[in-house]
């Protein structure tokens, strides 16, 4: 039993979880920093789509 507990403490299986959490934190920070630019870009894309769709009718 002690052997299994020691293996669990030494095991690096949790590293993948920590890496994923760090990546998510960086992505969220980028979204917060560039929020206005992202909103503007998405609005421009939808405006272009709307004008293209209106041109079909």
C-alpha atoms as a PDB file:
ATOM      1  CA  UNK A   1       0.000   0.000   0.000  1.00  0.00           C
ATOM      2  CA  UNK A   2       2.804   2.426   0.841  1.00  0.00           C
ATOM      3  CA  UNK A   3       4.368   1.646  -2.494  1.00  0.00           C
ATOM      4  CA  UNK A   4       1.217   2.705  -4.351  1.00  0.00           C
ATOM      5  CA  UNK A   5       0.922   5.926  -2.325  1.00  0.00           C
ATOM      6  CA  UNK A   6       4.538   6.774  -3.092  1.00  0.00           C
ATOM      7  CA  UNK A   7       3.962   6.109  -6.810  1.00  0.00           C
ATOM      8  CA  UNK A   8       0.912   8.366  -6.721  1.00  0.00           C
ATOM      9  CA  UNK A   9       2.923  11.219  -5.187  1.00  0.00           C
ATOM     10  CA  UNK A  10       5.802  10.824  -7.644  1.00  0.00           C
ATOM     11  CA  UNK A  11       3.533  10.302 -10.650  1.00  0.00           C
ATOM     12  CA  UNK A  12       3.391  13.128 -13.205  1.00  0.00           C
ATOM     13  CA  UNK A  13      -0.094  12.360 -14.525  1.00  0.00           C
ATOM     14  CA  UNK A  14      -1.399  15.680 -13.221  1.00  0.00           C
ATOM     15  CA  UNK A  15       0.963  17.683 -15.411  1.00  0.00           C
ATOM     16  CA  UNK A  16      -1.442  17.472 -18.363  1.00  0.00           C
ATOM     17  CA  UNK A  17      -4.222  18.996 -16.281  1.00  0.00           C
ATOM     18  CA  UNK A  18      -2.002  21.849 -15.112  1.00  0.00           C
ATOM     19  CA  UNK A  19      -0.913  22.545 -18.680  1.00  0.00           C
ATOM     20  CA  UNK A  20      -4.520  22.678 -19.886  1.00  0.00           C
ATOM     21  CA  UNK A  21      -5.464  25.052 -17.070  1.00  0.00           C
ATOM     22  CA  UNK A  22      -2.528  27.341 -17.912  1.00  0.00           C
ATOM     23  CA  UNK A  23      -3.479  27.386 -21.590  1.00  0.00           C
ATOM     24  CA  UNK A  24      -7.074  28.282 -20.677  1.00  0.00           C
ATOM     25  CA  UNK A  25      -5.882  31.090 -18.394  1.00  0.00           C
ATOM     26  CA  UNK A  26      -3.731  32.531 -21.186  1.00  0.00           C
ATOM     27  CA  UNK A  27      -6.605  32.314 -23.691  1.00  0.00           C
ATOM     28  CA  UNK A  28      -9.020  33.999 -21.293  1.00  0.00           C
ATOM     29  CA  UNK A  29      -6.474  36.742 -20.619  1.00  0.00           C
ATOM     30  CA  UNK A  30      -6.040  37.333 -24.359  1.00  0.00           C
ATOM     31  CA  UNK A  31      -9.805  37.568 -24.843  1.00  0.00           C
ATOM     32  CA  UNK A  32     -10.074  40.071 -21.997  1.00  0.00           C
ATOM     33  CA  UNK A  33      -7.168  42.156 -23.317  1.00  0.00           C
ATOM     34  CA  UNK A  34      -8.373  42.216 -26.932  1.00  0.00           C
ATOM     35  CA  UNK A  35     -12.108  42.246 -26.183  1.00  0.00           C
ATOM     36  CA  UNK A  36     -12.926  45.433 -28.073  1.00  0.00           C
ATOM     37  CA  UNK A  37     -10.969  44.374 -31.152  1.00  0.00           C
ATOM     38  CA  UNK A  38     -12.643  40.953 -31.161  1.00  0.00           C
ATOM     39  CA  UNK A  39     -16.118  42.470 -30.853  1.00  0.00           C
ATOM     40  CA  UNK A  40     -15.367  44.886 -33.686  1.00  0.00           C
ATOM     41  CA  UNK A  41     -14.027  42.094 -35.905  1.00  0.00           C
ATOM     42  CA  UNK A  42     -17.067  39.855 -35.283  1.00  0.00           C
ATOM     43  CA  UNK A  43     -19.451  42.740 -35.967  1.00  0.00           C
ATOM     44  CA  UNK A  44     -17.651  43.492 -39.246  1.00  0.00           C
ATOM     45  CA  UNK A  45     -17.907  39.843 -40.280  1.00  0.00           C
ATOM     46  CA  UNK A  46     -21.650  39.755 -39.567  1.00  0.00           C
ATOM     47  CA  UNK A  47     -22.192  43.064 -41.374  1.00  0.00           C
ATOM     48  CA  UNK A  48     -20.419  41.659 -44.437  1.00  0.00           C
ATOM     49  CA  UNK A  49     -22.514  38.494 -44.251  1.00  0.00           C
ATOM     50  CA  UNK A  50     -25.733  40.482 -43.963  1.00  0.00           C
ATOM     51  CA  UNK A  51     -24.864  42.654 -46.947  1.00  0.00           C
ATOM     52  CA  UNK A  52     -23.940  39.571 -48.990  1.00  0.00           C
ATOM     53  CA  UNK A  53     -27.190  37.857 -48.083  1.00  0.00           C
ATOM     54  CA  UNK A  54     -29.225  40.966 -48.919  1.00  0.00           C
ATOM     55  CA  UNK A  55     -27.516  41.042 -52.321  1.00  0.00           C
ATOM     56  CA  UNK A  56     -28.953  37.600 -53.087  1.00  0.00           C
ATOM     57  CA  UNK A  57     -32.562  38.772 -52.827  1.00  0.00           C
END
